[in-house]
Amino acid sequence: MWFLALLIIVLAALLLVLAVYSAQYFQHIGRAYPARGGFVGAAGARLHYVEMGPADPQGAPIVLVHGASGNLGDMVASIMPALAKHHRVIAFDRPGHGWSERPKHFDIANPAVQAEILHAAVVALGIEKPVLLGHSWGGALVTAYALAFPDEIGGLVVLSGATHVWEGKTAWYHRLVSKPVIGSVFLRTLMVPGGKLLMGAGVEGNFAPDKAPAGYAASIGLPLLFRPDNFRANSMDSSRLRDYLLTQSKRYHDIKVPTIIITGNRDRTVWAKLHSYALHDEIAGSELIKLVGVGHMPHYARPDIVIDALERLANGKVPRPGTHVVEPGASLILF
């Protein structure tokens, strides 16, 4: 009996130490990776955004939406500066990610609801008929946006987008986080040491087979994800997405805006055939660009291709319908 009591005391002490350590680390994260842009009120929440561009921008404005387990820093560290040489470019933290607030909406994990919030932010900032890019989870959001606001969008780029239902179980930590008590304990004690331990492998796996840039996690502020509210929001978005896509994916044939779909054929995170290829088949007149040998992060592996697609749409050019294959090392898309 005394052994059990001792074990309980030791575990309680360990959890207390981890809780104190985690609380201090959360404060450190906030100081190390402060908000890098402005805030705009949108449908009951403040969204964090970064805006870049010249005094006299060309074409339509461009809006960039990040994927799961990330924030707008992913776009700021990749394609945004190059785009901003000629265009007005705005990157947003999705609701509950980075420094954006998470409104208490019962259906907030729904891409369609997040699209409504993004739309409110776009209107509030005076952004008219933007070209939208959505990466990974963001692909679900921007396609929902195109369905809901077809007359208020100038074009659509779906980049390694999660757009269709897939097989497989939800990751164990997503299921754990959803538990009322044990989930909160996990987030405030084990999330930080576990996240720090696995972050490097997670980044490498997300980029594979491409190589992640040196210092990627720090450059985008990835540790912001380890804060309890951020991780809970990400977990909810990730674990519930399939249910929403079951309905949303049946409507893609209604998308009429100019659409370019870009995917790496070696994507191990969001399978190209299941998502991007299927989306191309469902959107009439869309352009599908297959990047041979590229993984889940084309905006790092082939930023030239992604920037070209966005600039074409922003400058009013129509997509080149059909499937186009870009081999490794090709500097131009040849049709």
Protein backbone atom coordinates (compact mmCIF):
# COMPACT_ATOMS: atom_id res chain seq x y z
CA MET A 1 0.00 0.00 0.00
CA TRP A 2 2.85 2.34 0.91
CA PHE A 3 4.43 1.69 -2.50
CA LEU A 4 1.25 2.79 -4.30
CA ALA A 5 1.04 5.93 -2.17
CA LEU A 6 4.68 6.72 -2.91
CA LEU A 7 4.14 6.18 -6.62
CA ILE A 8 1.18 8.58 -6.61
CA ILE A 9 3.25 11.20 -4.79
CA VAL A 10 6.12 10.82 -7.26
CA LEU A 11 3.79 11.07 -10.28
CA ALA A 12 2.04 14.10 -8.82
CA ALA A 13 5.38 15.79 -8.18
CA LEU A 14 6.55 15.00 -11.71
CA LEU A 15 3.36 16.45 -13.22
CA LEU A 16 3.78 19.56 -11.09
CA VAL A 17 7.35 20.02 -12.29
CA LEU A 18 6.27 19.52 -15.90
CA ALA A 19 3.39 21.96 -15.46
CA VAL A 20 5.69 24.67 -14.08
CA TYR A 21 8.28 24.03 -16.79
CA SER A 22 5.58 24.14 -19.50
CA ALA A 23 4.04 27.36 -18.16
CA GLN A 24 7.45 29.04 -18.26
CA TYR A 25 8.06 27.75 -21.75
CA PHE A 26 4.69 29.07 -22.95
CA GLN A 27 5.72 32.53 -21.76
CA HIS A 28 9.08 32.15 -23.48
CA ILE A 29 7.39 31.19 -26.75
CA GLY A 30 5.20 34.28 -26.66
CA ARG A 31 8.24 36.52 -26.19
CA ALA A 32 10.41 34.68 -28.72
CA TYR A 33 7.80 34.67 -31.48
CA PRO A 34 5.65 37.80 -31.07
CA ALA A 35 2.94 38.83 -33.51
CA ARG A 36 4.69 40.11 -36.61
CA GLY A 37 1.78 41.93 -38.22
CA GLY A 38 -1.54 43.61 -37.50
CA PHE A 39 -4.97 42.50 -36.33
CA VAL A 40 -8.39 42.84 -37.91
CA GLY A 41 -11.80 42.17 -36.40
CA ALA A 42 -13.65 39.44 -38.27
CA ALA A 43 -16.92 37.73 -37.30
CA GLY A 44 -16.35 37.87 -33.57
CA ALA A 45 -12.59 37.27 -33.61
CA ARG A 46 -9.36 39.16 -34.20
CA LEU A 47 -7.31 37.66 -36.99
CA HIS A 48 -3.58 38.24 -37.17
CA TYR A 49 -2.22 39.12 -40.61
CA VAL A 50 0.92 40.29 -42.35
CA GLU A 51 0.71 42.50 -45.42
CA MET A 52 3.46 43.26 -47.93
CA GLY A 53 3.59 44.95 -51.30
CA PRO A 54 4.80 47.94 -53.31
CA ALA A 55 3.20 51.38 -53.23
CA ASP A 56 1.65 50.75 -56.65
CA PRO A 57 0.80 47.01 -56.76
CA GLN A 58 -0.02 45.15 -59.95
CA GLY A 59 -3.14 43.10 -60.59
CA ALA A 60 -5.41 41.56 -58.00
CA PRO A 61 -4.33 41.23 -54.36
CA ILE A 62 -3.15 37.81 -53.20
CA VAL A 63 -4.26 36.14 -49.96
CA LEU A 64 -2.21 33.25 -48.52
CA VAL A 65 -3.67 30.65 -46.13
CA HIS A 66 -1.45 28.20 -44.23
CA GLY A 67 -2.16 24.57 -43.40
CA ALA A 68 -2.37 22.49 -40.22
CA SER A 69 0.26 22.68 -37.46
CA GLY A 70 1.49 26.01 -38.74
CA ASN A 71 0.86 29.73 -39.01
CA LEU A 72 1.32 32.58 -41.46
CA GLY A 73 5.08 32.44 -40.90
CA ASP A 74 5.14 29.51 -43.32
CA MET A 75 4.17 31.88 -46.13
CA VAL A 76 6.27 34.82 -44.91
CA ALA A 77 9.36 32.59 -44.92
CA SER A 78 8.73 31.22 -48.42
CA ILE A 79 6.87 32.84 -51.32
CA MET A 80 5.49 36.03 -49.79
CA PRO A 81 8.52 38.35 -50.18
CA ALA A 82 8.96 37.51 -53.86
CA LEU A 83 5.27 37.98 -54.58
CA ALA A 84 5.28 41.30 -52.73
CA LYS A 85 7.74 42.83 -55.20
CA HIS A 86 4.83 43.45 -57.58
CA HIS A 87 1.61 42.55 -55.76
CA ARG A 88 -0.30 43.35 -52.61
CA VAL A 89 0.02 40.16 -50.56
CA ILE A 90 -1.70 39.32 -47.28
CA ALA A 91 -1.08 36.22 -45.17
CA PHE A 92 -3.45 35.27 -42.35
CA ASP A 93 -3.21 33.12 -39.26
CA ARG A 94 -6.28 30.89 -39.36
CA PRO A 95 -8.65 31.15 -36.36
CA GLY A 96 -6.92 29.77 -33.27
CA HIS A 97 -3.53 29.45 -34.96
CA GLY A 98 -0.47 31.65 -34.54
CA TRP A 99 -1.77 34.87 -33.00
CA SER A 100 -5.35 34.76 -34.32
CA GLU A 101 -8.21 34.38 -31.88
CA ARG A 102 -10.49 31.35 -31.98
CA PRO A 103 -14.16 32.42 -31.79
CA LYS A 104 -16.47 30.31 -29.65
CA HIS A 105 -18.44 28.99 -32.62
CA PHE A 106 -19.83 25.49 -32.19
CA ASP A 107 -18.67 24.57 -35.70
CA ILE A 108 -15.39 26.47 -35.80
CA ALA A 109 -13.41 23.47 -37.14
CA ASN A 110 -15.51 23.55 -40.30
CA PRO A 111 -13.55 24.98 -43.28
CA ALA A 112 -16.74 26.71 -44.40
CA VAL A 113 -17.02 28.58 -41.09
CA GLN A 114 -13.36 29.58 -41.21
CA ALA A 115 -13.93 30.73 -44.79
CA GLU A 116 -16.71 33.04 -43.54
CA ILE A 117 -14.35 34.49 -40.93
CA LEU A 118 -11.59 34.97 -43.50
CA HIS A 119 -14.08 36.63 -45.84
CA ALA A 120 -15.07 39.07 -43.09
CA ALA A 121 -11.39 39.92 -42.56
CA VAL A 122 -10.83 40.36 -46.30
CA VAL A 123 -13.79 42.76 -46.53
CA ALA A 124 -12.66 44.68 -43.44
CA LEU A 125 -9.22 45.24 -44.97
CA GLY A 126 -10.69 46.46 -48.26
CA ILE A 127 -9.30 43.55 -50.26
CA GLU A 128 -11.32 43.22 -53.46
CA LYS A 129 -11.57 40.03 -55.50
CA PRO A 130 -8.33 38.48 -54.27
CA VAL A 131 -6.56 35.45 -55.63
CA LEU A 132 -6.57 32.90 -52.81
CA LEU A 133 -3.91 30.28 -52.12
CA GLY A 134 -4.58 27.55 -49.59
CA HIS A 135 -1.91 25.05 -48.58
CA SER A 136 -2.80 21.62 -47.13
CA TRP A 137 -5.66 22.19 -44.62
CA GLY A 138 -5.89 25.65 -46.10
CA GLY A 139 -6.89 24.02 -49.38
CA ALA A 140 -10.14 22.95 -47.73
CA LEU A 141 -10.70 26.51 -46.55
CA VAL A 142 -10.11 28.25 -49.88
CA THR A 143 -12.29 25.81 -51.80
CA ALA A 144 -15.03 26.45 -49.24
CA TYR A 145 -14.46 30.18 -49.80
CA ALA A 146 -14.83 29.75 -53.56
CA LEU A 147 -18.10 27.88 -53.03
CA ALA A 148 -19.52 30.47 -50.64
CA PHE A 149 -18.30 33.68 -52.32
CA PRO A 150 -17.86 32.91 -56.03
CA ASP A 151 -18.34 36.53 -57.11
CA GLU A 152 -15.81 37.89 -54.62
CA ILE A 153 -12.73 35.93 -55.63
CA GLY A 154 -10.42 36.51 -58.58
CA GLY A 155 -8.79 33.10 -58.66
CA LEU A 156 -7.90 30.02 -56.68
CA VAL A 157 -4.61 28.17 -56.15
CA VAL A 158 -4.93 24.91 -54.22
CA LEU A 159 -1.46 23.87 -53.07
CA SER A 160 -1.13 20.28 -51.83
CA GLY A 161 -4.68 20.78 -50.65
CA ALA A 162 -6.60 18.43 -48.34
CA THR A 163 -9.90 18.40 -50.19
CA HIS A 164 -11.32 14.86 -50.03
CA VAL A 165 -12.06 12.17 -47.47
CA TRP A 166 -9.21 9.78 -46.71
CA GLU A 167 -8.89 6.48 -44.88
CA GLY A 168 -7.05 6.02 -41.60
CA LYS A 169 -7.35 6.75 -37.91
CA THR A 170 -7.00 10.10 -36.21
CA ALA A 171 -3.61 10.49 -34.51
CA TRP A 172 -3.63 9.32 -30.89
CA TYR A 173 -2.74 12.74 -29.50
CA HIS A 174 -5.74 14.33 -31.23
CA ARG A 175 -8.02 11.81 -29.53
CA LEU A 176 -6.28 12.45 -26.20
CA VAL A 177 -6.57 16.23 -26.46
CA SER A 178 -10.33 15.94 -26.98
CA LYS A 179 -10.78 14.36 -23.52
CA PRO A 180 -12.13 16.93 -21.00
CA VAL A 181 -9.67 16.44 -18.11
CA ILE A 182 -6.81 14.29 -19.31
CA GLY A 183 -6.55 16.39 -22.47
CA SER A 184 -5.92 19.56 -20.47
CA VAL A 185 -3.38 17.79 -18.29
CA PHE A 186 -1.55 16.51 -21.37
CA LEU A 187 -1.46 19.96 -22.98
CA ARG A 188 -0.03 21.60 -19.86
CA THR A 189 2.50 18.95 -18.85
CA LEU A 190 3.61 16.63 -21.64
CA MET A 191 2.96 18.71 -24.76
CA VAL A 192 6.11 20.82 -24.46
CA PRO A 193 8.70 18.09 -23.83
CA GLY A 194 7.00 15.78 -26.32
CA GLY A 195 6.70 18.48 -28.94
CA LYS A 196 10.32 19.58 -28.58
CA LEU A 197 11.45 15.99 -28.84
CA LEU A 198 9.46 15.20 -31.99
CA MET A 199 9.47 18.57 -33.76
CA GLY A 200 12.55 17.89 -35.86
CA ALA A 201 11.30 14.56 -37.15
CA GLY A 202 7.88 16.09 -37.80
CA VAL A 203 9.35 18.84 -39.96
CA GLU A 204 11.50 16.38 -41.90
CA GLY A 205 8.53 14.09 -42.49
CA ASN A 206 6.36 16.94 -43.70
CA PHE A 207 8.96 18.00 -46.27
CA ALA A 208 10.01 14.51 -47.38
CA PRO A 209 11.40 13.57 -49.80
CA ASP A 210 12.54 17.20 -50.07
CA LYS A 211 14.94 18.57 -47.51
CA ALA A 212 13.61 21.07 -44.98
CA PRO A 213 15.41 24.44 -44.98
CA ALA A 214 17.84 24.96 -42.13
CA GLY A 215 16.16 26.70 -39.21
CA TYR A 216 12.67 26.20 -40.66
CA ALA A 217 10.91 25.75 -37.29
CA ALA A 218 12.37 28.94 -35.84
CA SER A 219 11.84 30.95 -39.03
CA ILE A 220 8.07 30.33 -39.06
CA GLY A 221 7.56 30.34 -35.28
CA LEU A 222 6.53 26.68 -35.18
CA PRO A 223 6.82 26.44 -31.37
CA LEU A 224 3.70 28.65 -31.13
CA LEU A 225 1.85 25.41 -31.86
CA PHE A 226 2.81 24.00 -28.46
CA ARG A 227 0.71 26.53 -26.53
CA PRO A 228 -2.43 24.78 -25.20
CA ASP A 229 -5.03 26.84 -27.06
CA ASN A 230 -3.11 26.63 -30.32
CA PHE A 231 -2.58 22.90 -30.12
CA ARG A 232 -6.20 22.28 -29.12
CA ALA A 233 -7.41 24.31 -32.11
CA ASN A 234 -5.05 22.48 -34.47
CA SER A 235 -6.10 19.12 -33.06
CA MET A 236 -9.78 19.92 -33.49
CA ASP A 237 -9.27 21.15 -37.07
CA SER A 238 -7.23 18.09 -38.02
CA SER A 239 -9.40 15.44 -36.42
CA ARG A 240 -12.72 16.76 -37.72
CA LEU A 241 -11.73 17.72 -41.26
CA ARG A 242 -12.74 14.42 -42.87
CA ASP A 243 -16.30 14.75 -41.64
CA TYR A 244 -16.67 18.19 -43.21
CA LEU A 245 -15.04 17.14 -46.47
CA LEU A 246 -17.54 14.34 -46.85
CA THR A 247 -20.15 16.99 -47.64
CA GLN A 248 -17.99 19.75 -49.07
CA SER A 249 -16.28 17.53 -51.66
CA LYS A 250 -19.61 16.77 -53.30
CA ARG A 251 -19.91 20.42 -54.39
CA TYR A 252 -16.57 21.03 -56.09
CA HIS A 253 -18.15 20.84 -59.51
CA ASP A 254 -19.87 24.13 -58.60
CA ILE A 255 -16.56 26.00 -58.44
CA LYS A 256 -16.35 28.26 -61.48
CA VAL A 257 -13.52 30.64 -60.55
CA PRO A 258 -10.18 30.28 -62.38
CA THR A 259 -8.39 27.47 -60.54
CA ILE A 260 -4.83 26.15 -60.56
CA ILE A 261 -4.03 23.02 -58.54
CA ILE A 262 -0.40 22.29 -57.64
CA THR A 263 0.85 19.09 -56.06
CA GLY A 264 4.01 17.08 -55.65
CA ASN A 265 3.63 13.51 -56.83
CA ARG A 266 5.72 12.35 -53.84
CA ASP A 267 3.55 14.04 -51.22
CA ARG A 268 3.40 11.72 -48.20
CA THR A 269 1.13 13.96 -46.12
CA VAL A 270 -1.75 14.71 -48.51
CA TRP A 271 -1.88 12.11 -51.28
CA ALA A 272 -1.92 13.75 -54.70
CA LYS A 273 -4.13 11.20 -56.42
CA LEU A 274 -6.81 11.20 -53.73
CA HIS A 275 -6.99 14.99 -53.35
CA SER A 276 -5.42 17.13 -56.08
CA TYR A 277 -6.04 14.83 -59.03
CA ALA A 278 -9.66 14.29 -57.98
CA LEU A 279 -10.21 18.03 -57.46
CA HIS A 280 -8.89 18.73 -60.95
CA ASP A 281 -11.38 16.26 -62.40
CA GLU A 282 -14.24 18.00 -60.59
CA ILE A 283 -13.48 21.65 -61.42
CA ALA A 284 -14.13 22.34 -65.08
CA GLY A 285 -11.33 24.23 -66.82
CA SER A 286 -8.89 23.84 -63.94
CA GLU A 287 -5.15 23.50 -64.42
CA LEU A 288 -3.31 20.71 -62.63
CA ILE A 289 0.46 21.01 -62.18
CA LYS A 290 2.25 17.81 -61.11
CA LEU A 291 5.71 18.38 -59.68
CA VAL A 292 7.73 15.23 -60.19
CA GLY A 293 9.68 14.12 -57.13
CA VAL A 294 8.32 16.89 -54.90
CA GLY A 295 6.67 16.37 -51.50
CA HIS A 296 4.14 18.30 -49.44
CA MET A 297 5.86 21.70 -49.49
CA PRO A 298 6.05 22.93 -53.10
CA HIS A 299 6.25 26.57 -51.99
CA TYR A 300 9.73 25.71 -50.68
CA ALA A 301 10.76 23.02 -53.18
CA ARG A 302 9.46 24.85 -56.27
CA PRO A 303 8.54 28.42 -55.29
CA ASP A 304 9.01 29.53 -58.91
CA ILE A 305 6.09 27.34 -60.04
CA VAL A 306 3.81 28.50 -57.23
CA ILE A 307 4.65 32.16 -57.75
CA ASP A 308 4.08 31.84 -61.49
CA ALA A 309 0.60 30.38 -60.92
CA LEU A 310 -0.39 33.13 -58.48
CA GLU A 311 0.93 35.92 -60.68
CA ARG A 312 -0.83 34.59 -63.75
CA LEU A 313 -4.18 34.61 -61.97
CA ALA A 314 -3.51 37.96 -60.28
CA ASN A 315 -2.74 39.48 -63.67
CA GLY A 316 -6.00 38.21 -65.13
CA LYS A 317 -4.67 35.30 -67.16
CA VAL A 318 -6.83 32.20 -67.42
CA PRO A 319 -5.59 28.77 -66.32
CA ARG A 320 -4.21 26.43 -68.97
CA PRO A 321 -6.73 23.56 -68.73
CA GLY A 322 -5.41 20.06 -68.40
CA THR A 323 -2.61 18.29 -66.61
CA HIS A 324 0.95 19.57 -66.89
CA VAL A 325 4.00 17.74 -65.60
CA VAL A 326 7.10 19.57 -64.37
CA GLU A 327 10.22 17.44 -64.19
CA PRO A 328 12.95 18.05 -61.60
CA GLY A 329 15.13 21.01 -62.48
CA ALA A 330 12.76 22.41 -65.11
CA SER A 331 12.83 26.20 -64.73
CA LEU A 332 9.76 26.81 -66.89
CA ILE A 333 6.40 25.16 -67.34
CA LEU A 334 6.34 24.00 -70.94
CA PHE A 335 2.98 23.35 -72.54
